[in-house]
C-alpha atoms as a PDB file:
ATOM      1  CA  MET A   1       0.000   0.000   0.000  1.00  0.00           C
ATOM      2  CA  ALA A   2       1.254   3.482  -0.764  1.00  0.00           C
ATOM      3  CA  THR A   3       2.359   5.714   2.069  1.00  0.00           C
ATOM      4  CA  ASN A   4       1.274   8.818   0.148  1.00  0.00           C
ATOM      5  CA  ASN A   5      -2.462   9.270   0.748  1.00  0.00           C
ATOM      6  CA  LYS A   6      -2.871  12.021  -1.859  1.00  0.00           C
ATOM      7  CA  PRO A   7      -4.533  11.006  -5.134  1.00  0.00           C
ATOM      8  CA  ALA A   8      -2.333  10.697  -8.211  1.00  0.00           C
ATOM      9  CA  ASN A   9      -4.958  12.649 -10.168  1.00  0.00           C
ATOM     10  CA  THR A  10      -8.589  13.749 -10.017  1.00  0.00           C
ATOM     11  CA  LEU A  11     -10.772  14.106 -13.108  1.00  0.00           C
ATOM     12  CA  ARG A  12     -14.244  15.611 -13.411  1.00  0.00           C
ATOM     13  CA  CYS A  13     -16.917  15.112 -16.027  1.00  0.00           C
ATOM     14  CA  ALA A  14     -20.123  17.030 -15.256  1.00  0.00           C
ATOM     15  CA  ASN A  15     -21.224  15.877 -11.766  1.00  0.00           C
ATOM     16  CA  ILE A  16     -18.956  12.805 -11.600  1.00  0.00           C
ATOM     17  CA  LYS A  17     -15.489  12.838 -10.039  1.00  0.00           C
ATOM     18  CA  ALA A  18     -12.918  10.095 -10.722  1.00  0.00           C
ATOM     19  CA  THR A  19     -10.029   9.919  -8.279  1.00  0.00           C
ATOM     20  CA  ILE A  20      -6.968   7.923  -9.335  1.00  0.00           C
ATOM     21  CA  TRP A  21      -4.827   6.371  -6.607  1.00  0.00           C
ATOM     22  CA  GLN A  22      -1.316   5.009  -7.052  1.00  0.00           C
ATOM     23  CA  ASN A  23      -0.411   1.907  -5.051  1.00  0.00           C
ATOM     24  CA  VAL A  24       2.871   0.021  -4.896  1.00  0.00           C
ATOM     25  CA  SER A  25       3.271  -3.751  -4.983  1.00  0.00           C
ATOM     26  CA  GLU A  26       6.222  -6.099  -5.302  1.00  0.00           C
ATOM     27  CA  LYS A  27       5.749  -5.983  -9.087  1.00  0.00           C
ATOM     28  CA  GLY A  28       5.746  -2.177  -9.186  1.00  0.00           C
ATOM     29  CA  PRO A  29       3.161   0.575  -9.085  1.00  0.00           C
ATOM     30  CA  PHE A  30      -0.462   0.051 -10.055  1.00  0.00           C
ATOM     31  CA  PHE A  31      -3.460   2.350 -10.088  1.00  0.00           C
ATOM     32  CA  ALA A  32      -7.005   2.138  -8.748  1.00  0.00           C
ATOM     33  CA  THR A  33      -9.894   4.499  -9.437  1.00  0.00           C
ATOM     34  CA  THR A  34     -12.812   5.537  -7.260  1.00  0.00           C
ATOM     35  CA  PHE A  35     -15.882   7.356  -8.554  1.00  0.00           C
ATOM     36  CA  SER A  36     -18.042   9.766  -6.593  1.00  0.00           C
ATOM     37  CA  ARG A  37     -20.749  12.361  -7.069  1.00  0.00           C
ATOM     38  CA  PRO A  38     -20.304  15.485  -4.920  1.00  0.00           C
ATOM     39  CA  PHE A  39     -23.511  17.031  -3.530  1.00  0.00           C
ATOM     40  CA  LYS A  40     -24.636  19.423  -0.810  1.00  0.00           C
ATOM     41  CA  ASP A  41     -26.715  17.994   2.013  1.00  0.00           C
ATOM     42  CA  GLN A  42     -29.629  19.827   3.657  1.00  0.00           C
ATOM     43  CA  SER A  43     -27.270  21.797   5.916  1.00  0.00           C
ATOM     44  CA  GLY A  44     -25.181  22.976   2.933  1.00  0.00           C
ATOM     45  CA  THR A  45     -22.191  20.743   3.679  1.00  0.00           C
ATOM     46  CA  TRP A  46     -20.486  19.099   0.699  1.00  0.00           C
ATOM     47  CA  ARG A  47     -20.626  15.283   0.722  1.00  0.00           C
ATOM     48  CA  ASN A  48     -19.549  12.565  -1.720  1.00  0.00           C
ATOM     49  CA  GLY A  49     -22.124  10.032  -2.846  1.00  0.00           C
ATOM     50  CA  THR A  50     -21.288   6.704  -4.405  1.00  0.00           C
ATOM     51  CA  SER A  51     -24.640   5.951  -5.999  1.00  0.00           C
ATOM     52  CA  PHE A  52     -25.423   7.282  -9.450  1.00  0.00           C
ATOM     53  CA  GLY A  53     -28.624   8.121 -11.267  1.00  0.00           C
ATOM     54  CA  LEU A  54     -29.352   7.465 -14.922  1.00  0.00           C
ATOM     55  CA  ASN A  55     -28.264  10.984 -15.930  1.00  0.00           C
ATOM     56  CA  ASP A  56     -24.976  10.568 -14.048  1.00  0.00           C
ATOM     57  CA  LEU A  57     -24.059   7.468 -16.025  1.00  0.00           C
END
C-alpha cells in the first residue's frame, strides 16, 4: 500500500469525479480508481455520494 495518501490525479466530467490512486506492490506501481458524485446535504455541507442516477451514467 502506498504511504502517500494524496490522489495521483482527479478528473471531473459534469457531476462525476474520478479519483486515481497510485499503489505500490512487489511488481511495481499500479493504479485504482474511485468514482463519486459530490452534492450538498440539507445543511449545505459538501458530501460525496457513491450511488449514481441514470443521468450521471
